[in-house]
Amino acid sequence: MTSSQRPSTSAQRVFRGFTVLSETDRQAVIRLINDYQRQTLQQRESVRKSFENIPGVVLGPLGGGCECCGRG
């Protein structure tokens, strides 16, 4: 991969999180992405909004980083 092909920092974080998932969870994410890609723009917007309500990362009292993306 050349530097011009290197994914964004956000994409790298998402991929890092993906790699620490169990095989079952990785397959579920792949299905979600494939389903999303097949939808119309209106359907995609509805899906995006439904995921806005999912709680974010809670770093806890010690301020440790996110195990998935390393952020924090």
N, C-alpha and C. Protein backbone atom coordinates (compact mmCIF):
# COMPACT_ATOMS: atom_id res chain seq x y z
N MET A 1 0.85 -1.17 0.00
CA MET A 1 0.00 0.00 0.00
C MET A 1 0.90 1.23 0.00
N THR A 2 0.66 2.13 -0.93
CA THR A 2 1.44 3.36 -0.99
C THR A 2 0.81 4.39 -0.06
N SER A 3 1.57 5.45 0.23
CA SER A 3 1.05 6.49 1.13
C SER A 3 -0.20 7.15 0.56
N SER A 4 -0.32 7.23 -0.77
CA SER A 4 -1.52 7.83 -1.36
C SER A 4 -2.73 6.91 -1.22
N GLN A 5 -2.51 5.64 -0.96
CA GLN A 5 -3.60 4.68 -0.78
C GLN A 5 -3.90 4.44 0.69
N ARG A 6 -3.10 4.98 1.58
CA ARG A 6 -3.26 4.74 3.01
C ARG A 6 -4.62 5.27 3.47
N PRO A 7 -5.36 4.44 4.21
CA PRO A 7 -6.67 4.89 4.69
C PRO A 7 -6.55 6.01 5.72
N SER A 8 -7.62 6.74 5.88
CA SER A 8 -7.65 7.82 6.87
C SER A 8 -7.45 7.26 8.27
N THR A 9 -7.12 8.14 9.20
CA THR A 9 -6.97 7.73 10.59
C THR A 9 -8.26 7.13 11.12
N SER A 10 -9.39 7.71 10.76
CA SER A 10 -10.68 7.17 11.20
C SER A 10 -10.89 5.76 10.69
N ALA A 11 -10.58 5.54 9.42
CA ALA A 11 -10.73 4.20 8.84
C ALA A 11 -9.79 3.22 9.52
N GLN A 12 -8.59 3.66 9.84
CA GLN A 12 -7.64 2.78 10.53
C GLN A 12 -8.17 2.40 11.91
N ARG A 13 -8.77 3.35 12.62
CA ARG A 13 -9.33 3.07 13.95
C ARG A 13 -10.46 2.07 13.86
N VAL A 14 -11.34 2.26 12.88
CA VAL A 14 -12.46 1.34 12.71
C VAL A 14 -11.94 -0.06 12.40
N PHE A 15 -10.94 -0.14 11.53
CA PHE A 15 -10.38 -1.44 11.17
C PHE A 15 -9.72 -2.10 12.38
N ARG A 16 -9.02 -1.32 13.17
CA ARG A 16 -8.40 -1.86 14.38
C ARG A 16 -9.47 -2.45 15.30
N GLY A 17 -10.56 -1.72 15.47
CA GLY A 17 -11.67 -2.25 16.28
C GLY A 17 -12.25 -3.51 15.68
N PHE A 18 -12.38 -3.54 14.36
CA PHE A 18 -12.91 -4.72 13.66
C PHE A 18 -12.04 -5.94 13.93
N THR A 19 -10.72 -5.75 13.93
CA THR A 19 -9.81 -6.89 14.07
C THR A 19 -9.84 -7.51 15.46
N VAL A 20 -10.29 -6.78 16.48
CA VAL A 20 -10.34 -7.35 17.83
C VAL A 20 -11.68 -8.00 18.14
N LEU A 21 -12.63 -7.92 17.22
CA LEU A 21 -13.92 -8.57 17.43
C LEU A 21 -13.78 -10.08 17.31
N SER A 22 -14.73 -10.78 17.89
CA SER A 22 -14.79 -12.23 17.69
C SER A 22 -15.17 -12.49 16.24
N GLU A 23 -14.94 -13.70 15.78
CA GLU A 23 -15.30 -14.06 14.40
C GLU A 23 -16.79 -13.86 14.17
N THR A 24 -17.61 -14.20 15.15
CA THR A 24 -19.06 -14.03 15.03
C THR A 24 -19.41 -12.55 14.85
N ASP A 25 -18.81 -11.69 15.66
CA ASP A 25 -19.07 -10.25 15.54
C ASP A 25 -18.53 -9.68 14.24
N ARG A 26 -17.37 -10.15 13.78
CA ARG A 26 -16.84 -9.68 12.49
C ARG A 26 -17.81 -10.02 11.36
N GLN A 27 -18.35 -11.23 11.39
CA GLN A 27 -19.31 -11.64 10.35
C GLN A 27 -20.57 -10.77 10.41
N ALA A 28 -21.01 -10.44 11.63
CA ALA A 28 -22.19 -9.59 11.78
C ALA A 28 -21.93 -8.19 11.20
N VAL A 29 -20.74 -7.65 11.45
CA VAL A 29 -20.39 -6.33 10.91
C VAL A 29 -20.35 -6.38 9.39
N ILE A 30 -19.78 -7.42 8.84
CA ILE A 30 -19.72 -7.57 7.38
C ILE A 30 -21.13 -7.61 6.79
N ARG A 31 -22.03 -8.36 7.44
CA ARG A 31 -23.42 -8.42 6.96
C ARG A 31 -24.07 -7.04 7.02
N LEU A 32 -23.86 -6.32 8.14
CA LEU A 32 -24.44 -4.97 8.28
C LEU A 32 -23.95 -4.04 7.18
N ILE A 33 -22.65 -4.07 6.91
CA ILE A 33 -22.09 -3.19 5.88
C ILE A 33 -22.63 -3.58 4.51
N ASN A 34 -22.66 -4.86 4.20
CA ASN A 34 -23.18 -5.30 2.90
C ASN A 34 -24.64 -4.90 2.73
N ASP A 35 -25.45 -5.10 3.77
CA ASP A 35 -26.85 -4.70 3.70
C ASP A 35 -26.97 -3.19 3.50
N TYR A 36 -26.18 -2.43 4.22
CA TYR A 36 -26.18 -0.98 4.10
C TYR A 36 -25.84 -0.55 2.68
N GLN A 37 -24.85 -1.16 2.09
CA GLN A 37 -24.41 -0.80 0.74
C GLN A 37 -25.48 -1.06 -0.31
N ARG A 38 -26.37 -2.00 -0.05
CA ARG A 38 -27.43 -2.35 -1.01
C ARG A 38 -28.65 -1.44 -0.90
N GLN A 39 -28.70 -0.60 0.11
CA GLN A 39 -29.88 0.22 0.36
C GLN A 39 -29.86 1.52 -0.44
N THR A 40 -31.06 2.11 -0.55
CA THR A 40 -31.17 3.42 -1.18
C THR A 40 -30.61 4.48 -0.23
N LEU A 41 -30.39 5.67 -0.73
CA LEU A 41 -29.88 6.75 0.12
C LEU A 41 -30.83 7.06 1.28
N GLN A 42 -32.12 7.00 1.02
CA GLN A 42 -33.11 7.27 2.06
C GLN A 42 -33.04 6.18 3.14
N GLN A 43 -32.93 4.93 2.72
CA GLN A 43 -32.82 3.84 3.68
C GLN A 43 -31.52 3.96 4.49
N ARG A 44 -30.43 4.35 3.83
CA ARG A 44 -29.15 4.51 4.52
C ARG A 44 -29.25 5.58 5.61
N GLU A 45 -29.94 6.67 5.30
CA GLU A 45 -30.10 7.75 6.27
C GLU A 45 -30.87 7.25 7.49
N SER A 46 -31.88 6.45 7.26
CA SER A 46 -32.66 5.88 8.35
C SER A 46 -31.79 4.97 9.22
N VAL A 47 -30.97 4.15 8.60
CA VAL A 47 -30.07 3.26 9.34
C VAL A 47 -29.05 4.08 10.13
N ARG A 48 -28.49 5.10 9.50
CA ARG A 48 -27.50 5.94 10.17
C ARG A 48 -28.10 6.58 11.42
N LYS A 49 -29.33 7.08 11.29
CA LYS A 49 -30.00 7.70 12.44
C LYS A 49 -30.26 6.69 13.55
N SER A 50 -30.60 5.47 13.18
CA SER A 50 -30.88 4.46 14.21
C SER A 50 -29.62 4.11 15.01
N PHE A 51 -28.45 4.25 14.41
CA PHE A 51 -27.21 3.96 15.10
C PHE A 51 -26.71 5.14 15.93
N GLU A 52 -27.29 6.31 15.77
CA GLU A 52 -26.91 7.48 16.58
C GLU A 52 -27.27 7.28 18.04
N ASN A 53 -28.25 6.43 18.32
CA ASN A 53 -28.73 6.23 19.69
C ASN A 53 -27.92 5.20 20.46
N ILE A 54 -26.96 4.58 19.82
CA ILE A 54 -26.13 3.59 20.50
C ILE A 54 -25.12 4.33 21.37
N PRO A 55 -25.00 3.93 22.64
CA PRO A 55 -24.07 4.64 23.53
C PRO A 55 -22.64 4.62 23.00
N GLY A 56 -21.92 5.68 23.29
CA GLY A 56 -20.52 5.78 22.88
C GLY A 56 -19.61 5.03 23.83
N VAL A 57 -18.34 5.19 23.65
CA VAL A 57 -17.35 4.54 24.48
C VAL A 57 -17.29 5.24 25.83
N VAL A 58 -17.32 4.46 26.89
CA VAL A 58 -17.16 4.98 28.24
C VAL A 58 -15.77 4.58 28.69
N LEU A 59 -14.93 5.57 28.95
CA LEU A 59 -13.54 5.27 29.28
C LEU A 59 -13.35 4.90 30.74
N GLY A 60 -14.34 5.14 31.57
CA GLY A 60 -14.27 4.73 32.97
C GLY A 60 -13.46 5.66 33.82
N PRO A 61 -13.42 5.38 35.12
CA PRO A 61 -12.78 6.29 36.06
C PRO A 61 -11.26 6.39 35.92
N LEU A 62 -10.65 5.39 35.34
CA LEU A 62 -9.19 5.42 35.23
C LEU A 62 -8.72 6.12 33.96
N GLY A 63 -9.65 6.44 33.07
CA GLY A 63 -9.27 7.15 31.85
C GLY A 63 -8.50 6.30 30.88
N GLY A 64 -8.68 5.00 30.94
CA GLY A 64 -8.02 4.11 29.99
C GLY A 64 -8.57 4.31 28.61
N GLY A 65 -7.87 3.86 27.61
CA GLY A 65 -8.30 4.01 26.23
C GLY A 65 -9.27 2.94 25.80
N CYS A 66 -9.87 3.17 24.68
CA CYS A 66 -10.78 2.20 24.07
C CYS A 66 -9.96 1.00 23.60
N GLU A 67 -10.39 -0.21 23.99
CA GLU A 67 -9.67 -1.41 23.59
C GLU A 67 -9.72 -1.62 22.08
N CYS A 68 -10.79 -1.15 21.46
CA CYS A 68 -10.95 -1.36 20.02
C CYS A 68 -10.08 -0.42 19.18
N CYS A 69 -10.22 0.87 19.42
CA CYS A 69 -9.55 1.83 18.54
C CYS A 69 -8.33 2.47 19.17
N GLY A 70 -8.10 2.25 20.48
CA GLY A 70 -6.96 2.83 21.13
C GLY A 70 -7.13 4.28 21.53
N ARG A 71 -8.30 4.84 21.23
CA ARG A 71 -8.56 6.25 21.53
C ARG A 71 -8.79 6.46 23.01
N GLY A 72 -8.36 7.60 23.50
CA GLY A 72 -8.67 7.94 24.87
C GLY A 72 -7.53 8.21 25.74
